[in-house]
Amino acid sequence: INSGQTPINKQDLDLGRSLVFSFVENNLADSFETVSSFFHQRGAYRRFKDLLEQKGQLEAWYDYEAKATELALREWSAEQGLTLSD
């Protein structure tokens, strides 16, 4: 699809830390500082997902991430002149 260009990744689509912090602001505001501290060392996403599991928010995160990924891919595709089908 990208005709030999470098593949896109989550960071290219702004689906990394900023997505995590957006989710935390909306769903776990009381844990914002804790999650923020995770990203000062290795293993941040593992610790983040462990916290989500403890708080019963893991499925909500996966849904949020999937919706954001679909939206970002649709926007990127439109920018590239591509049309996606359902």
C-alpha atoms as a PDB file:
ATOM      1  CA  ILE A   1       0.000   0.000   0.000  1.00  0.00           C
ATOM      2  CA  ASN A   2       2.743   2.528   0.776  1.00  0.00           C
ATOM      3  CA  SER A   3       4.749   1.696  -2.363  1.00  0.00           C
ATOM      4  CA  GLY A   4       8.130   1.101  -0.744  1.00  0.00           C
ATOM      5  CA  GLN A   5       7.999   3.996   1.687  1.00  0.00           C
ATOM      6  CA  THR A   6       8.841   3.536   5.340  1.00  0.00           C
ATOM      7  CA  PRO A   7       5.866   1.954   7.131  1.00  0.00           C
ATOM      8  CA  ILE A   8       3.875   4.175   9.450  1.00  0.00           C
ATOM      9  CA  ASN A   9       3.791   3.414  13.158  1.00  0.00           C
ATOM     10  CA  LYS A  10       1.779   4.414  16.223  1.00  0.00           C
ATOM     11  CA  GLN A  11       3.949   7.446  16.900  1.00  0.00           C
ATOM     12  CA  ASP A  12       3.428   8.687  13.328  1.00  0.00           C
ATOM     13  CA  LEU A  13      -0.308   8.598  13.978  1.00  0.00           C
ATOM     14  CA  ASP A  14      -0.007  10.148  17.462  1.00  0.00           C
ATOM     15  CA  LEU A  15      -1.144   6.911  19.101  1.00  0.00           C
ATOM     16  CA  GLY A  16       1.573   6.619  21.707  1.00  0.00           C
ATOM     17  CA  ARG A  17       1.891   8.456  24.999  1.00  0.00           C
ATOM     18  CA  SER A  18      -0.526  11.216  24.058  1.00  0.00           C
ATOM     19  CA  LEU A  19      -3.282   8.635  23.567  1.00  0.00           C
ATOM     20  CA  VAL A  20      -2.488   7.089  26.950  1.00  0.00           C
ATOM     21  CA  PHE A  21      -2.669  10.477  28.663  1.00  0.00           C
ATOM     22  CA  SER A  22      -5.894  11.364  26.877  1.00  0.00           C
ATOM     23  CA  PHE A  23      -7.446   8.113  28.099  1.00  0.00           C
ATOM     24  CA  VAL A  24      -6.191   8.666  31.642  1.00  0.00           C
ATOM     25  CA  GLU A  25      -7.534  12.232  31.733  1.00  0.00           C
ATOM     26  CA  ASN A  26     -10.968  11.000  30.656  1.00  0.00           C
ATOM     27  CA  ASN A  27     -11.159   7.748  32.616  1.00  0.00           C
ATOM     28  CA  LEU A  28      -8.621   7.682  35.454  1.00  0.00           C
ATOM     29  CA  ALA A  29      -7.931  11.305  36.335  1.00  0.00           C
ATOM     30  CA  ASP A  30      -7.018  10.326  39.900  1.00  0.00           C
ATOM     31  CA  SER A  31      -4.177   8.180  38.493  1.00  0.00           C
ATOM     32  CA  PHE A  32      -2.656  10.778  36.165  1.00  0.00           C
ATOM     33  CA  GLU A  33       0.489  11.365  38.253  1.00  0.00           C
ATOM     34  CA  THR A  34       1.007   7.623  38.706  1.00  0.00           C
ATOM     35  CA  VAL A  35       0.742   6.957  34.972  1.00  0.00           C
ATOM     36  CA  SER A  36       2.957   9.930  34.212  1.00  0.00           C
ATOM     37  CA  SER A  37       5.648   8.481  36.475  1.00  0.00           C
ATOM     38  CA  PHE A  38       5.525   5.205  34.517  1.00  0.00           C
ATOM     39  CA  PHE A  39       6.813   6.995  31.427  1.00  0.00           C
ATOM     40  CA  HIS A  40      10.060   8.051  33.085  1.00  0.00           C
ATOM     41  CA  GLN A  41      11.466   4.521  32.828  1.00  0.00           C
ATOM     42  CA  ARG A  42      11.330   1.365  30.755  1.00  0.00           C
ATOM     43  CA  GLY A  43       8.282  -0.867  30.856  1.00  0.00           C
ATOM     44  CA  ALA A  44       5.805   2.001  30.995  1.00  0.00           C
ATOM     45  CA  TYR A  45       3.140   0.338  28.852  1.00  0.00           C
ATOM     46  CA  ARG A  46       3.329  -2.873  30.880  1.00  0.00           C
ATOM     47  CA  ARG A  47       2.874  -0.956  34.128  1.00  0.00           C
ATOM     48  CA  PHE A  48       0.101   1.106  32.547  1.00  0.00           C
ATOM     49  CA  LYS A  49      -1.771  -2.019  31.479  1.00  0.00           C
ATOM     50  CA  ASP A  50      -1.240  -3.597  34.910  1.00  0.00           C
ATOM     51  CA  LEU A  51      -2.830  -0.511  36.481  1.00  0.00           C
ATOM     52  CA  LEU A  52      -5.716  -0.654  34.011  1.00  0.00           C
ATOM     53  CA  GLU A  53      -6.312  -4.275  34.909  1.00  0.00           C
ATOM     54  CA  GLN A  54      -6.292  -3.472  38.634  1.00  0.00           C
ATOM     55  CA  LYS A  55      -8.819  -0.686  38.083  1.00  0.00           C
ATOM     56  CA  GLY A  56     -11.052  -2.720  35.757  1.00  0.00           C
ATOM     57  CA  GLN A  57     -10.315  -0.423  32.812  1.00  0.00           C
ATOM     58  CA  LEU A  58      -8.316  -2.681  30.495  1.00  0.00           C
ATOM     59  CA  GLU A  59     -11.199  -3.430  28.107  1.00  0.00           C
ATOM     60  CA  ALA A  60     -12.152   0.255  28.071  1.00  0.00           C
ATOM     61  CA  TRP A  61      -8.544   1.067  27.081  1.00  0.00           C
ATOM     62  CA  TYR A  62      -8.560  -1.482  24.262  1.00  0.00           C
ATOM     63  CA  ASP A  63     -11.833  -0.031  22.936  1.00  0.00           C
ATOM     64  CA  TYR A  64     -10.518   3.522  23.198  1.00  0.00           C
ATOM     65  CA  GLU A  65      -7.252   2.582  21.489  1.00  0.00           C
ATOM     66  CA  ALA A  66      -9.047   0.713  18.676  1.00  0.00           C
ATOM     67  CA  LYS A  67     -11.367   3.646  17.949  1.00  0.00           C
ATOM     68  CA  ALA A  68      -8.501   6.133  17.991  1.00  0.00           C
ATOM     69  CA  THR A  69      -6.434   3.871  15.721  1.00  0.00           C
ATOM     70  CA  GLU A  70      -9.260   3.543  13.212  1.00  0.00           C
ATOM     71  CA  LEU A  71      -9.839   7.289  13.170  1.00  0.00           C
ATOM     72  CA  ALA A  72      -6.120   8.032  12.760  1.00  0.00           C
ATOM     73  CA  LEU A  73      -5.798   5.506   9.936  1.00  0.00           C
ATOM     74  CA  ARG A  74      -8.821   6.944   8.160  1.00  0.00           C
ATOM     75  CA  GLU A  75      -7.406  10.469   8.467  1.00  0.00           C
ATOM     76  CA  TRP A  76      -3.953   9.334   7.290  1.00  0.00           C
ATOM     77  CA  SER A  77      -5.483   7.460   4.369  1.00  0.00           C
ATOM     78  CA  ALA A  78      -7.481  10.518   3.316  1.00  0.00           C
ATOM     79  CA  GLU A  79      -4.307  12.626   3.456  1.00  0.00           C
ATOM     80  CA  GLN A  80      -2.610  10.067   1.199  1.00  0.00           C
ATOM     81  CA  GLY A  81      -5.517  10.121  -1.251  1.00  0.00           C
ATOM     82  CA  LEU A  82      -6.618   6.619  -0.321  1.00  0.00           C
ATOM     83  CA  THR A  83     -10.170   5.488   0.252  1.00  0.00           C
ATOM     84  CA  LEU A  84     -10.914   2.857   2.856  1.00  0.00           C
ATOM     85  CA  SER A  85     -13.838   0.499   2.662  1.00  0.00           C
ATOM     86  CA  ASP A  86     -15.581  -1.029   5.650  1.00  0.00           C
END
